[in-house]
Amino acid sequence: MNKSYYTKAVWTSIWILVMLIVPTYLEACPGCKNLDDPINKGFNWSILFMMAMPFTVFGLVGGTVYLHWNGYRLSVIGSRLKKNMLRIRNLLN
């Protein structure tokens, strides 16, 4: 067997050892200890909002680009919505 095989085996062994030892000494965040405190609850909510914001922004931008690319206009969407609402109102009366 060649030298590179042994080198890879040693590095893999070290990596596995580090991955088994390090998580026992680390904590996820300081706010995860006491979730009953109002400050920690607010901290957790702020993290969720920060994680959701890129998806919201890219979704709005992507949706706008998609609608403009396909030639949709808000007036077309609005007129379809108005027709459907009038049809529903006529069915109810």
N, C-alpha and C. Protein backbone atom coordinates (compact mmCIF):
# COMPACT_ATOMS: atom_id res chain seq x y z
N MET A 1 0.84 -1.18 0.00
CA MET A 1 0.00 0.00 0.00
C MET A 1 0.88 1.24 0.00
N ASN A 2 0.36 2.28 -0.58
CA ASN A 2 1.18 3.48 -0.72
C ASN A 2 1.01 4.41 0.48
N LYS A 3 1.84 5.42 0.48
CA LYS A 3 1.90 6.35 1.61
C LYS A 3 0.64 7.21 1.71
N SER A 4 0.03 7.55 0.59
CA SER A 4 -1.14 8.42 0.62
C SER A 4 -2.33 7.72 1.30
N TYR A 5 -2.40 6.39 1.17
CA TYR A 5 -3.48 5.66 1.83
C TYR A 5 -3.35 5.80 3.35
N TYR A 6 -2.13 5.63 3.87
CA TYR A 6 -1.92 5.76 5.31
C TYR A 6 -2.16 7.19 5.78
N THR A 7 -1.78 8.15 4.99
CA THR A 7 -2.00 9.55 5.34
C THR A 7 -3.50 9.84 5.43
N LYS A 8 -4.26 9.36 4.46
CA LYS A 8 -5.71 9.55 4.49
C LYS A 8 -6.33 8.84 5.69
N ALA A 9 -5.84 7.66 6.01
CA ALA A 9 -6.38 6.91 7.15
C ALA A 9 -6.10 7.64 8.46
N VAL A 10 -4.90 8.20 8.59
CA VAL A 10 -4.55 8.93 9.81
C VAL A 10 -5.41 10.18 9.94
N TRP A 11 -5.56 10.95 8.86
CA TRP A 11 -6.36 12.17 8.91
C TRP A 11 -7.83 11.85 9.17
N THR A 12 -8.32 10.77 8.60
CA THR A 12 -9.70 10.37 8.85
C THR A 12 -9.89 9.98 10.30
N SER A 13 -8.95 9.27 10.86
CA SER A 13 -9.02 8.88 12.27
C SER A 13 -9.01 10.10 13.19
N ILE A 14 -8.13 11.05 12.88
CA ILE A 14 -8.08 12.28 13.67
C ILE A 14 -9.39 13.04 13.56
N TRP A 15 -9.93 13.14 12.35
CA TRP A 15 -11.18 13.84 12.13
C TRP A 15 -12.33 13.20 12.92
N ILE A 16 -12.42 11.88 12.89
CA ILE A 16 -13.47 11.18 13.64
C ILE A 16 -13.29 11.40 15.14
N LEU A 17 -12.08 11.35 15.62
CA LEU A 17 -11.81 11.57 17.04
C LEU A 17 -12.22 12.97 17.47
N VAL A 18 -11.87 13.96 16.66
CA VAL A 18 -12.25 15.35 16.96
C VAL A 18 -13.76 15.50 16.95
N MET A 19 -14.43 14.89 15.98
CA MET A 19 -15.88 15.00 15.88
C MET A 19 -16.59 14.32 17.04
N LEU A 20 -15.96 13.34 17.66
CA LEU A 20 -16.57 12.68 18.81
C LEU A 20 -16.30 13.42 20.12
N ILE A 21 -15.18 14.10 20.23
CA ILE A 21 -14.80 14.76 21.47
C ILE A 21 -15.36 16.18 21.57
N VAL A 22 -15.26 16.96 20.53
CA VAL A 22 -15.59 18.38 20.57
C VAL A 22 -17.06 18.66 20.93
N PRO A 23 -18.05 17.96 20.38
CA PRO A 23 -19.44 18.30 20.72
C PRO A 23 -19.79 18.14 22.20
N THR A 24 -19.04 17.33 22.94
CA THR A 24 -19.35 17.17 24.36
C THR A 24 -18.98 18.41 25.16
N TYR A 25 -18.09 19.25 24.65
CA TYR A 25 -17.65 20.44 25.36
C TYR A 25 -18.30 21.72 24.87
N LEU A 26 -18.97 21.69 23.74
CA LEU A 26 -19.56 22.89 23.17
C LEU A 26 -21.07 22.93 23.42
N GLU A 27 -21.60 24.14 23.46
CA GLU A 27 -23.04 24.34 23.55
C GLU A 27 -23.51 25.11 22.33
N ALA A 28 -24.77 24.94 21.98
CA ALA A 28 -25.29 25.57 20.77
C ALA A 28 -25.29 27.09 20.89
N CYS A 29 -25.87 27.59 21.94
CA CYS A 29 -25.91 29.03 22.16
C CYS A 29 -26.20 29.29 23.64
N PRO A 30 -25.86 30.46 24.12
CA PRO A 30 -26.11 30.74 25.54
C PRO A 30 -27.59 30.87 25.87
N GLY A 31 -28.42 31.18 24.88
CA GLY A 31 -29.85 31.36 25.14
C GLY A 31 -30.62 30.05 25.23
N CYS A 32 -29.99 28.94 24.87
CA CYS A 32 -30.71 27.66 24.87
C CYS A 32 -30.74 27.01 26.25
N LYS A 33 -30.09 27.58 27.22
CA LYS A 33 -30.07 26.98 28.55
C LYS A 33 -31.43 27.12 29.23
N ASN A 34 -31.92 28.34 29.35
CA ASN A 34 -33.19 28.62 30.03
C ASN A 34 -34.17 29.21 29.05
N LEU A 35 -35.02 28.38 28.50
CA LEU A 35 -35.97 28.88 27.50
C LEU A 35 -37.20 29.52 28.13
N ASP A 36 -37.28 29.52 29.47
CA ASP A 36 -38.44 30.11 30.13
C ASP A 36 -38.33 31.62 30.28
N ASP A 37 -37.14 32.17 30.19
CA ASP A 37 -36.96 33.61 30.34
C ASP A 37 -37.52 34.34 29.12
N PRO A 38 -38.17 35.49 29.32
CA PRO A 38 -38.71 36.25 28.18
C PRO A 38 -37.62 36.74 27.24
N ILE A 39 -36.45 37.07 27.77
CA ILE A 39 -35.37 37.55 26.91
C ILE A 39 -34.90 36.44 25.98
N ASN A 40 -34.80 35.23 26.49
CA ASN A 40 -34.36 34.11 25.66
C ASN A 40 -35.40 33.74 24.62
N LYS A 41 -36.69 33.85 24.97
CA LYS A 41 -37.73 33.60 23.98
C LYS A 41 -37.67 34.63 22.86
N GLY A 42 -37.45 35.90 23.23
CA GLY A 42 -37.30 36.94 22.21
C GLY A 42 -36.08 36.72 21.35
N PHE A 43 -35.01 36.25 21.95
CA PHE A 43 -33.78 35.95 21.21
C PHE A 43 -34.03 34.84 20.19
N ASN A 44 -34.75 33.80 20.61
CA ASN A 44 -35.06 32.69 19.70
C ASN A 44 -35.96 33.15 18.55
N TRP A 45 -36.96 34.01 18.85
CA TRP A 45 -37.82 34.52 17.79
C TRP A 45 -37.04 35.38 16.80
N SER A 46 -36.11 36.17 17.31
CA SER A 46 -35.32 37.02 16.41
C SER A 46 -34.46 36.17 15.48
N ILE A 47 -33.95 35.06 15.97
CA ILE A 47 -33.18 34.15 15.12
C ILE A 47 -34.07 33.57 14.03
N LEU A 48 -35.29 33.18 14.38
CA LEU A 48 -36.21 32.63 13.38
C LEU A 48 -36.55 33.66 12.31
N PHE A 49 -36.77 34.92 12.71
CA PHE A 49 -37.06 35.96 11.73
C PHE A 49 -35.86 36.22 10.83
N MET A 50 -34.66 36.22 11.40
CA MET A 50 -33.46 36.43 10.58
C MET A 50 -33.26 35.29 9.60
N MET A 51 -33.61 34.07 9.99
CA MET A 51 -33.48 32.94 9.08
C MET A 51 -34.53 32.98 7.97
N ALA A 52 -35.71 33.50 8.27
CA ALA A 52 -36.79 33.53 7.29
C ALA A 52 -36.66 34.69 6.32
N MET A 53 -35.96 35.73 6.68
CA MET A 53 -35.91 36.94 5.85
C MET A 53 -35.31 36.70 4.46
N PRO A 54 -34.19 35.99 4.30
CA PRO A 54 -33.68 35.78 2.94
C PRO A 54 -34.68 35.05 2.04
N PHE A 55 -35.40 34.06 2.58
CA PHE A 55 -36.38 33.35 1.77
C PHE A 55 -37.52 34.28 1.37
N THR A 56 -37.92 35.17 2.27
CA THR A 56 -38.99 36.11 1.96
C THR A 56 -38.55 37.08 0.87
N VAL A 57 -37.36 37.64 1.02
CA VAL A 57 -36.87 38.62 0.04
C VAL A 57 -36.67 37.97 -1.32
N PHE A 58 -35.99 36.83 -1.36
CA PHE A 58 -35.76 36.17 -2.64
C PHE A 58 -37.06 35.66 -3.25
N GLY A 59 -38.02 35.24 -2.42
CA GLY A 59 -39.31 34.82 -2.94
C GLY A 59 -40.08 35.96 -3.58
N LEU A 60 -40.07 37.13 -2.93
CA LEU A 60 -40.76 38.28 -3.50
C LEU A 60 -40.08 38.76 -4.79
N VAL A 61 -38.77 38.83 -4.75
CA VAL A 61 -38.04 39.27 -5.96
C VAL A 61 -38.21 38.24 -7.07
N GLY A 62 -38.07 36.97 -6.74
CA GLY A 62 -38.22 35.92 -7.75
C GLY A 62 -39.63 35.87 -8.31
N GLY A 63 -40.63 36.04 -7.44
CA GLY A 63 -42.01 36.05 -7.92
C GLY A 63 -42.29 37.23 -8.83
N THR A 64 -41.75 38.39 -8.48
CA THR A 64 -41.93 39.58 -9.32
C THR A 64 -41.27 39.39 -10.67
N VAL A 65 -40.05 38.89 -10.67
CA VAL A 65 -39.34 38.65 -11.94
C VAL A 65 -40.09 37.62 -12.77
N TYR A 66 -40.60 36.57 -12.13
CA TYR A 66 -41.35 35.54 -12.84
C TYR A 66 -42.61 36.13 -13.48
N LEU A 67 -43.35 36.94 -12.71
CA LEU A 67 -44.57 37.52 -13.26
C LEU A 67 -44.27 38.48 -14.41
N HIS A 68 -43.23 39.29 -14.27
CA HIS A 68 -42.89 40.21 -15.35
C HIS A 68 -42.33 39.47 -16.56
N TRP A 69 -41.61 38.40 -16.33
CA TRP A 69 -41.03 37.63 -17.44
C TRP A 69 -42.12 36.98 -18.27
N ASN A 70 -43.18 36.51 -17.61
CA ASN A 70 -44.26 35.84 -18.32
C ASN A 70 -45.35 36.79 -18.80
N GLY A 71 -45.16 38.08 -18.60
CA GLY A 71 -46.09 39.05 -19.14
C GLY A 71 -47.33 39.29 -18.30
N TYR A 72 -47.36 38.80 -17.08
CA TYR A 72 -48.51 39.06 -16.22
C TYR A 72 -48.46 40.49 -15.73
N ARG A 73 -49.61 41.06 -15.59
CA ARG A 73 -49.73 42.40 -15.04
C ARG A 73 -50.71 42.34 -13.87
N LEU A 74 -50.54 43.24 -12.95
CA LEU A 74 -51.44 43.25 -11.81
C LEU A 74 -52.87 43.54 -12.24
N SER A 75 -53.03 44.31 -13.32
CA SER A 75 -54.39 44.59 -13.79
C SER A 75 -55.05 43.32 -14.31
N VAL A 76 -54.29 42.45 -14.95
CA VAL A 76 -54.85 41.19 -15.44
C VAL A 76 -55.24 40.31 -14.26
N ILE A 77 -54.35 40.22 -13.29
CA ILE A 77 -54.65 39.42 -12.11
C ILE A 77 -55.83 40.01 -11.36
N GLY A 78 -55.88 41.34 -11.26
CA GLY A 78 -56.99 42.00 -10.58
C GLY A 78 -58.31 41.81 -11.30
N SER A 79 -58.29 41.87 -12.63
CA SER A 79 -59.55 41.70 -13.38
C SER A 79 -60.04 40.26 -13.26
N ARG A 80 -59.13 39.30 -13.25
CA ARG A 80 -59.56 37.90 -13.05
C ARG A 80 -60.16 37.73 -11.65
N LEU A 81 -59.53 38.33 -10.68
CA LEU A 81 -60.03 38.24 -9.32
C LEU A 81 -61.40 38.90 -9.20
N LYS A 82 -61.56 40.04 -9.87
CA LYS A 82 -62.84 40.76 -9.83
C LYS A 82 -63.94 39.92 -10.48
N LYS A 83 -63.63 39.28 -11.62
CA LYS A 83 -64.62 38.43 -12.29
C LYS A 83 -65.03 37.27 -11.40
N ASN A 84 -64.05 36.64 -10.75
CA ASN A 84 -64.35 35.51 -9.87
C ASN A 84 -65.18 35.96 -8.68
N MET A 85 -64.86 37.11 -8.12
CA MET A 85 -65.62 37.60 -6.97
C MET A 85 -67.05 37.94 -7.37
N LEU A 86 -67.23 38.55 -8.55
CA LEU A 86 -68.58 38.86 -9.02
C LEU A 86 -69.37 37.58 -9.30
N ARG A 87 -68.73 36.58 -9.84
CA ARG A 87 -69.40 35.31 -10.11
C ARG A 87 -69.83 34.65 -8.80
N ILE A 88 -68.96 34.69 -7.80
CA ILE A 88 -69.31 34.10 -6.50
C ILE A 88 -70.46 34.88 -5.86
N ARG A 89 -70.41 36.21 -5.96
CA ARG A 89 -71.48 37.02 -5.39
C ARG A 89 -72.81 36.73 -6.08
N ASN A 90 -72.77 36.57 -7.42
CA ASN A 90 -74.02 36.26 -8.14
C ASN A 90 -74.52 34.87 -7.78
N LEU A 91 -73.63 33.93 -7.52
CA LEU A 91 -74.08 32.59 -7.14
C LEU A 91 -74.72 32.59 -5.75
N LEU A 92 -74.22 33.44 -4.86
CA LEU A 92 -74.76 33.50 -3.52
C LEU A 92 -76.11 34.20 -3.48
N ASN A 93 -76.37 35.10 -4.40
CA ASN A 93 -77.64 35.85 -4.41
C ASN A 93 -78.71 35.10 -5.09
